[in-house]
Amino acid sequence: MKVFLSYSAGDASLARKIASGLRREGLAVWLPEEEILPGDNWAERISQALNECDAMVALLTQDTPKSGNVQWDIGYALGNKAYRHRVVPVLVGREDQVSLQVVPWILSERSRVVRLTQPDQPDETVREIAETLAAAA
């Protein structure tokens, strides 16, 4: 399974940790900073990757509602049959830091929401994400 990792620019370091963990779990991960080269058409490469991937992991923080890119990625996945039951929203932070309100309502209705309370120790959450994707396959 090839996973598209969607995240805000400020969460790039965490995205790299999550990508590394998912790869250890046997998943192929598409990470924009590794795939998009200087001079590439960013929008074209993102669109191509979204068409090629089978699943999406969306890192959601308190800043996500301000990120048009993450919102666009999620909207694309929700409208694409290939992603059915394969969009995993990951809330980053404790409940008092990030509420479920940052998860688009339709996504919370159709997907299992995973919470990452300790971003510096994502291993357990990575396993949970991998298990969620495996169950949806």
N, C-alpha and C. Protein backbone atom coordinates (compact mmCIF):
# COMPACT_ATOMS: atom_id res chain seq x y z
N MET A 1 0.84 -1.18 0.00
CA MET A 1 0.00 0.00 0.00
C MET A 1 0.89 1.25 0.00
N LYS A 2 0.53 2.20 -0.83
CA LYS A 2 1.27 3.45 -0.91
C LYS A 2 0.46 4.54 -0.20
N VAL A 3 1.10 5.20 0.76
CA VAL A 3 0.43 6.17 1.62
C VAL A 3 0.89 7.59 1.32
N PHE A 4 -0.06 8.48 1.11
CA PHE A 4 0.22 9.91 0.96
C PHE A 4 0.16 10.53 2.34
N LEU A 5 1.22 11.21 2.74
CA LEU A 5 1.27 11.85 4.06
C LEU A 5 1.00 13.34 3.89
N SER A 6 -0.11 13.80 4.45
CA SER A 6 -0.52 15.19 4.34
C SER A 6 -0.25 15.89 5.68
N TYR A 7 0.35 17.07 5.60
CA TYR A 7 0.70 17.80 6.82
C TYR A 7 0.97 19.26 6.50
N SER A 8 0.91 20.09 7.52
CA SER A 8 1.23 21.51 7.38
C SER A 8 2.75 21.67 7.37
N ALA A 9 3.22 22.73 6.74
CA ALA A 9 4.67 22.97 6.63
C ALA A 9 5.35 22.97 8.00
N GLY A 10 4.70 23.47 9.02
CA GLY A 10 5.29 23.51 10.35
C GLY A 10 5.45 22.14 11.00
N ASP A 11 4.83 21.13 10.42
CA ASP A 11 4.89 19.78 10.97
C ASP A 11 5.80 18.85 10.17
N ALA A 12 6.71 19.44 9.38
CA ALA A 12 7.57 18.63 8.50
C ALA A 12 8.44 17.66 9.28
N SER A 13 8.98 18.09 10.40
CA SER A 13 9.85 17.21 11.20
C SER A 13 9.06 16.00 11.71
N LEU A 14 7.88 16.24 12.22
CA LEU A 14 7.04 15.14 12.68
C LEU A 14 6.65 14.24 11.51
N ALA A 15 6.34 14.82 10.37
CA ALA A 15 5.98 14.03 9.19
C ALA A 15 7.10 13.08 8.80
N ARG A 16 8.34 13.55 8.89
CA ARG A 16 9.48 12.67 8.57
C ARG A 16 9.55 11.49 9.55
N LYS A 17 9.29 11.74 10.84
CA LYS A 17 9.30 10.65 11.83
C LYS A 17 8.19 9.65 11.54
N ILE A 18 7.00 10.15 11.25
CA ILE A 18 5.87 9.27 10.95
C ILE A 18 6.15 8.46 9.68
N ALA A 19 6.69 9.11 8.65
CA ALA A 19 7.02 8.42 7.40
C ALA A 19 8.03 7.31 7.65
N SER A 20 9.04 7.61 8.42
CA SER A 20 10.06 6.60 8.73
C SER A 20 9.44 5.40 9.46
N GLY A 21 8.58 5.69 10.42
CA GLY A 21 7.93 4.61 11.17
C GLY A 21 7.01 3.78 10.28
N LEU A 22 6.26 4.42 9.42
CA LEU A 22 5.37 3.68 8.52
C LEU A 22 6.16 2.82 7.55
N ARG A 23 7.30 3.30 7.13
CA ARG A 23 8.16 2.49 6.26
C ARG A 23 8.67 1.26 7.00
N ARG A 24 9.01 1.43 8.26
CA ARG A 24 9.43 0.27 9.07
C ARG A 24 8.30 -0.74 9.21
N GLU A 25 7.06 -0.26 9.13
CA GLU A 25 5.89 -1.15 9.20
C GLU A 25 5.58 -1.78 7.85
N GLY A 26 6.39 -1.48 6.83
CA GLY A 26 6.23 -2.09 5.52
C GLY A 26 5.39 -1.31 4.52
N LEU A 27 5.09 -0.06 4.82
CA LEU A 27 4.29 0.76 3.91
C LEU A 27 5.19 1.67 3.07
N ALA A 28 4.79 1.89 1.84
CA ALA A 28 5.47 2.88 1.00
C ALA A 28 4.84 4.23 1.32
N VAL A 29 5.64 5.23 1.54
CA VAL A 29 5.12 6.55 1.93
C VAL A 29 5.59 7.60 0.93
N TRP A 30 4.65 8.42 0.48
CA TRP A 30 4.96 9.54 -0.41
C TRP A 30 5.01 10.79 0.45
N LEU A 31 6.21 11.35 0.55
CA LEU A 31 6.45 12.55 1.35
C LEU A 31 6.90 13.65 0.41
N PRO A 32 6.16 14.75 0.32
CA PRO A 32 6.46 15.80 -0.66
C PRO A 32 7.91 16.28 -0.65
N GLU A 33 8.49 16.47 0.51
CA GLU A 33 9.86 17.01 0.55
C GLU A 33 10.89 16.06 -0.04
N GLU A 34 10.55 14.78 -0.11
CA GLU A 34 11.46 13.80 -0.71
C GLU A 34 11.20 13.61 -2.21
N GLU A 35 10.01 13.93 -2.64
CA GLU A 35 9.60 13.62 -4.00
C GLU A 35 9.57 14.82 -4.94
N ILE A 36 9.36 16.00 -4.40
CA ILE A 36 9.26 17.19 -5.25
C ILE A 36 10.63 17.87 -5.31
N LEU A 37 11.14 18.00 -6.50
CA LEU A 37 12.46 18.58 -6.71
C LEU A 37 12.35 20.06 -7.06
N PRO A 38 13.41 20.82 -6.82
CA PRO A 38 13.38 22.23 -7.24
C PRO A 38 13.06 22.32 -8.74
N GLY A 39 12.16 23.20 -9.07
CA GLY A 39 11.76 23.38 -10.46
C GLY A 39 10.55 22.55 -10.86
N ASP A 40 10.20 21.54 -10.06
CA ASP A 40 9.00 20.75 -10.35
C ASP A 40 7.76 21.61 -10.17
N ASN A 41 6.73 21.27 -10.90
CA ASN A 41 5.43 21.91 -10.71
C ASN A 41 4.80 21.27 -9.49
N TRP A 42 4.75 22.02 -8.39
CA TRP A 42 4.31 21.48 -7.11
C TRP A 42 2.89 20.91 -7.21
N ALA A 43 1.96 21.67 -7.74
CA ALA A 43 0.57 21.22 -7.81
C ALA A 43 0.44 19.97 -8.67
N GLU A 44 1.17 19.92 -9.76
CA GLU A 44 1.12 18.76 -10.64
C GLU A 44 1.66 17.51 -9.94
N ARG A 45 2.76 17.64 -9.23
CA ARG A 45 3.36 16.49 -8.52
C ARG A 45 2.45 15.99 -7.40
N ILE A 46 1.82 16.93 -6.67
CA ILE A 46 0.89 16.53 -5.61
C ILE A 46 -0.30 15.79 -6.21
N SER A 47 -0.86 16.33 -7.28
CA SER A 47 -2.00 15.67 -7.94
C SER A 47 -1.63 14.28 -8.43
N GLN A 48 -0.46 14.16 -9.02
CA GLN A 48 0.02 12.86 -9.50
C GLN A 48 0.15 11.87 -8.34
N ALA A 49 0.73 12.33 -7.24
CA ALA A 49 0.91 11.45 -6.08
C ALA A 49 -0.44 11.02 -5.49
N LEU A 50 -1.37 11.95 -5.40
CA LEU A 50 -2.69 11.60 -4.88
C LEU A 50 -3.36 10.55 -5.75
N ASN A 51 -3.15 10.61 -7.06
CA ASN A 51 -3.72 9.61 -7.96
C ASN A 51 -3.04 8.26 -7.82
N GLU A 52 -1.76 8.25 -7.46
CA GLU A 52 -0.99 7.01 -7.37
C GLU A 52 -1.11 6.32 -6.01
N CYS A 53 -1.46 7.05 -4.99
CA CYS A 53 -1.51 6.48 -3.64
C CYS A 53 -2.83 5.77 -3.37
N ASP A 54 -2.79 4.87 -2.38
CA ASP A 54 -3.96 4.07 -2.00
C ASP A 54 -4.60 4.54 -0.71
N ALA A 55 -3.85 5.34 0.06
CA ALA A 55 -4.32 5.75 1.38
C ALA A 55 -3.70 7.09 1.74
N MET A 56 -4.28 7.71 2.77
CA MET A 56 -3.75 8.99 3.24
C MET A 56 -3.70 9.00 4.75
N VAL A 57 -2.61 9.55 5.26
CA VAL A 57 -2.49 9.85 6.68
C VAL A 57 -2.40 11.37 6.75
N ALA A 58 -3.33 11.98 7.49
CA ALA A 58 -3.36 13.43 7.61
C ALA A 58 -3.01 13.83 9.03
N LEU A 59 -1.89 14.53 9.18
CA LEU A 59 -1.49 15.03 10.50
C LEU A 59 -2.26 16.31 10.78
N LEU A 60 -3.03 16.31 11.86
CA LEU A 60 -3.89 17.44 12.19
C LEU A 60 -3.45 18.07 13.51
N THR A 61 -3.11 19.34 13.44
CA THR A 61 -2.71 20.10 14.63
C THR A 61 -3.64 21.29 14.76
N GLN A 62 -3.41 22.09 15.78
CA GLN A 62 -4.25 23.27 15.95
C GLN A 62 -4.09 24.25 14.79
N ASP A 63 -2.99 24.14 14.04
CA ASP A 63 -2.75 25.03 12.89
C ASP A 63 -3.32 24.50 11.58
N THR A 64 -3.79 23.25 11.56
CA THR A 64 -4.27 22.65 10.33
C THR A 64 -5.40 23.43 9.66
N PRO A 65 -6.37 23.95 10.41
CA PRO A 65 -7.43 24.70 9.73
C PRO A 65 -6.90 25.87 8.90
N LYS A 66 -5.71 26.36 9.22
CA LYS A 66 -5.11 27.46 8.46
C LYS A 66 -4.36 26.96 7.22
N SER A 67 -4.16 25.66 7.11
CA SER A 67 -3.41 25.09 6.00
C SER A 67 -4.34 24.67 4.88
N GLY A 68 -4.37 25.46 3.83
CA GLY A 68 -5.20 25.12 2.68
C GLY A 68 -4.77 23.82 2.04
N ASN A 69 -3.47 23.51 2.09
CA ASN A 69 -2.98 22.29 1.45
C ASN A 69 -3.56 21.03 2.09
N VAL A 70 -3.55 20.97 3.41
CA VAL A 70 -4.07 19.79 4.10
C VAL A 70 -5.56 19.66 3.83
N GLN A 71 -6.28 20.76 3.91
CA GLN A 71 -7.72 20.74 3.64
C GLN A 71 -7.99 20.24 2.22
N TRP A 72 -7.20 20.71 1.25
CA TRP A 72 -7.38 20.29 -0.14
C TRP A 72 -7.09 18.80 -0.29
N ASP A 73 -6.00 18.32 0.34
CA ASP A 73 -5.65 16.90 0.27
C ASP A 73 -6.79 16.04 0.80
N ILE A 74 -7.31 16.42 1.96
CA ILE A 74 -8.39 15.65 2.58
C ILE A 74 -9.63 15.67 1.69
N GLY A 75 -9.95 16.82 1.15
CA GLY A 75 -11.11 16.92 0.25
C GLY A 75 -10.97 16.01 -0.95
N TYR A 76 -9.76 15.97 -1.52
CA TYR A 76 -9.51 15.08 -2.66
C TYR A 76 -9.74 13.63 -2.25
N ALA A 77 -9.16 13.23 -1.13
CA ALA A 77 -9.27 11.83 -0.69
C ALA A 77 -10.71 11.44 -0.40
N LEU A 78 -11.47 12.33 0.20
CA LEU A 78 -12.86 12.02 0.51
C LEU A 78 -13.71 11.86 -0.75
N GLY A 79 -13.30 12.50 -1.83
CA GLY A 79 -14.05 12.40 -3.08
C GLY A 79 -13.55 11.32 -4.02
N ASN A 80 -12.57 10.54 -3.58
CA ASN A 80 -11.96 9.54 -4.44
C ASN A 80 -12.25 8.14 -3.90
N LYS A 81 -12.88 7.29 -4.67
CA LYS A 81 -13.24 5.94 -4.21
C LYS A 81 -12.03 5.11 -3.79
N ALA A 82 -10.88 5.36 -4.40
CA ALA A 82 -9.68 4.60 -4.07
C ALA A 82 -9.27 4.78 -2.61
N TYR A 83 -9.67 5.90 -2.01
CA TYR A 83 -9.30 6.19 -0.62
C TYR A 83 -10.38 5.78 0.38
N ARG A 84 -11.43 5.16 -0.09
CA ARG A 84 -12.55 4.80 0.79
C ARG A 84 -12.05 4.01 1.99
N HIS A 85 -12.34 4.51 3.18
CA HIS A 85 -11.93 3.90 4.46
C HIS A 85 -10.42 3.86 4.64
N ARG A 86 -9.71 4.61 3.83
CA ARG A 86 -8.25 4.61 3.92
C ARG A 86 -7.68 6.00 4.14
N VAL A 87 -8.42 6.84 4.84
CA VAL A 87 -7.92 8.14 5.25
C VAL A 87 -7.85 8.11 6.77
N VAL A 88 -6.64 8.24 7.29
CA VAL A 88 -6.46 8.17 8.74
C VAL A 88 -6.07 9.55 9.26
N PRO A 89 -7.00 10.22 9.97
CA PRO A 89 -6.66 11.49 10.59
C PRO A 89 -5.90 11.24 11.89
N VAL A 90 -4.79 11.94 12.05
CA VAL A 90 -3.97 11.80 13.26
C VAL A 90 -3.97 13.14 13.98
N LEU A 91 -4.63 13.20 15.12
CA LEU A 91 -4.64 14.41 15.93
C LEU A 91 -3.34 14.48 16.72
N VAL A 92 -2.60 15.54 16.54
CA VAL A 92 -1.29 15.68 17.19
C VAL A 92 -1.43 16.59 18.39
N GLY A 93 -1.28 16.00 19.59
CA GLY A 93 -1.36 16.75 20.83
C GLY A 93 -2.40 16.15 21.76
N ARG A 94 -2.33 16.56 23.01
CA ARG A 94 -3.29 16.09 24.01
C ARG A 94 -4.65 16.72 23.74
N GLU A 95 -5.69 16.16 24.36
CA GLU A 95 -7.05 16.66 24.15
C GLU A 95 -7.18 18.13 24.52
N ASP A 96 -6.43 18.60 25.53
CA ASP A 96 -6.53 20.01 25.92
C ASP A 96 -5.75 20.92 24.96
N GLN A 97 -4.97 20.34 24.05
CA GLN A 97 -4.20 21.12 23.08
C GLN A 97 -4.88 21.16 21.71
N VAL A 98 -5.41 20.02 21.29
CA VAL A 98 -6.02 19.90 19.96
C VAL A 98 -7.33 19.13 20.12
N SER A 99 -8.43 19.77 19.75
CA SER A 99 -9.72 19.12 19.90
C SER A 99 -10.13 18.42 18.60
N LEU A 100 -11.13 17.60 18.72
CA LEU A 100 -11.67 16.90 17.56
C LEU A 100 -12.25 17.87 16.53
N GLN A 101 -12.43 19.11 16.91
CA GLN A 101 -13.01 20.09 16.00
C GLN A 101 -12.13 20.38 14.79
N VAL A 102 -10.83 20.04 14.85
CA VAL A 102 -9.97 20.26 13.68
C VAL A 102 -10.16 19.16 12.63
N VAL A 103 -10.89 18.10 12.99
CA VAL A 103 -11.16 17.01 12.04
C VAL A 103 -12.45 17.36 11.30
N PRO A 104 -12.40 17.46 9.97
CA PRO A 104 -13.63 17.71 9.23
C PRO A 104 -14.70 16.68 9.62
N TRP A 105 -15.92 17.12 9.85
CA TRP A 105 -16.95 16.24 10.38
C TRP A 105 -17.14 14.98 9.55
N ILE A 106 -17.09 15.09 8.25
CA ILE A 106 -17.31 13.92 7.41
C ILE A 106 -16.17 12.91 7.57
N LEU A 107 -14.98 13.41 7.82
CA LEU A 107 -13.84 12.52 8.02
C LEU A 107 -13.97 11.79 9.36
N SER A 108 -14.43 12.49 10.39
CA SER A 108 -14.59 11.83 11.69
C SER A 108 -15.72 10.81 11.65
N GLU A 109 -16.68 10.97 10.73
CA GLU A 109 -17.77 10.00 10.58
C GLU A 109 -17.32 8.75 9.84
N ARG A 110 -16.36 8.90 8.92
CA ARG A 110 -15.97 7.79 8.05
C ARG A 110 -14.65 7.13 8.41
N SER A 111 -13.91 7.72 9.33
CA SER A 111 -12.56 7.23 9.61
C SER A 111 -12.33 7.09 11.10
N ARG A 112 -11.43 6.22 11.41
CA ARG A 112 -10.98 6.10 12.79
C ARG A 112 -9.95 7.19 13.04
N VAL A 113 -10.20 8.02 14.04
CA VAL A 113 -9.29 9.10 14.39
C VAL A 113 -8.26 8.56 15.37
N VAL A 114 -6.99 8.79 15.06
CA VAL A 114 -5.88 8.35 15.91
C VAL A 114 -5.30 9.59 16.58
N ARG A 115 -4.95 9.46 17.86
CA ARG A 115 -4.37 10.60 18.57
C ARG A 115 -2.91 10.31 18.89
N LEU A 116 -2.06 11.28 18.59
CA LEU A 116 -0.63 11.23 18.90
C LEU A 116 -0.39 12.25 20.00
N THR A 117 -0.31 11.77 21.24
CA THR A 117 -0.16 12.69 22.37
C THR A 117 1.28 13.08 22.64
N GLN A 118 2.22 12.23 22.21
CA GLN A 118 3.64 12.52 22.42
C GLN A 118 4.36 12.51 21.07
N PRO A 119 4.38 13.66 20.39
CA PRO A 119 4.97 13.72 19.06
C PRO A 119 6.44 13.30 19.00
N ASP A 120 7.15 13.40 20.13
CA ASP A 120 8.55 13.00 20.13
C ASP A 120 8.71 11.49 20.25
N GLN A 121 7.61 10.78 20.51
CA GLN A 121 7.63 9.32 20.61
C GLN A 121 6.45 8.73 19.82
N PRO A 122 6.53 8.75 18.50
CA PRO A 122 5.38 8.35 17.69
C PRO A 122 5.24 6.86 17.41
N ASP A 123 6.13 6.01 17.93
CA ASP A 123 6.14 4.60 17.53
C ASP A 123 4.82 3.88 17.75
N GLU A 124 4.20 4.05 18.92
CA GLU A 124 2.94 3.37 19.21
C GLU A 124 1.85 3.85 18.26
N THR A 125 1.82 5.14 18.01
CA THR A 125 0.83 5.70 17.10
C THR A 125 1.06 5.21 15.68
N VAL A 126 2.30 5.09 15.27
CA VAL A 126 2.62 4.58 13.93
C VAL A 126 2.07 3.17 13.78
N ARG A 127 2.24 2.34 14.79
CA ARG A 127 1.70 0.98 14.73
C ARG A 127 0.17 1.01 14.61
N GLU A 128 -0.46 1.91 15.35
CA GLU A 128 -1.91 2.04 15.30
C GLU A 128 -2.36 2.48 13.89
N ILE A 129 -1.65 3.41 13.30
CA ILE A 129 -1.96 3.85 11.94
C ILE A 129 -1.83 2.69 10.96
N ALA A 130 -0.72 1.95 11.06
CA ALA A 130 -0.49 0.79 10.17
C ALA A 130 -1.58 -0.25 10.34
N GLU A 131 -2.00 -0.52 11.56
CA GLU A 131 -3.06 -1.50 11.81
C GLU A 131 -4.39 -1.02 11.22
N THR A 132 -4.66 0.28 11.37
CA THR A 132 -5.89 0.85 10.82
C THR A 132 -5.92 0.71 9.30
N LEU A 133 -4.80 0.99 8.66
CA LEU A 133 -4.72 0.86 7.20
C LEU A 133 -4.82 -0.60 6.77
N ALA A 134 -4.18 -1.50 7.51
CA ALA A 134 -4.24 -2.92 7.17
C ALA A 134 -5.67 -3.44 7.28
N ALA A 135 -6.40 -2.99 8.28
CA ALA A 135 -7.79 -3.43 8.45
C ALA A 135 -8.68 -2.92 7.32
N ALA A 136 -8.34 -1.78 6.73
CA ALA A 136 -9.14 -1.19 5.66
C ALA A 136 -8.78 -1.76 4.28
N ALA A 137 -7.65 -2.46 4.20
CA ALA A 137 -7.20 -2.98 2.90
C ALA A 137 -8.06 -4.11 2.38
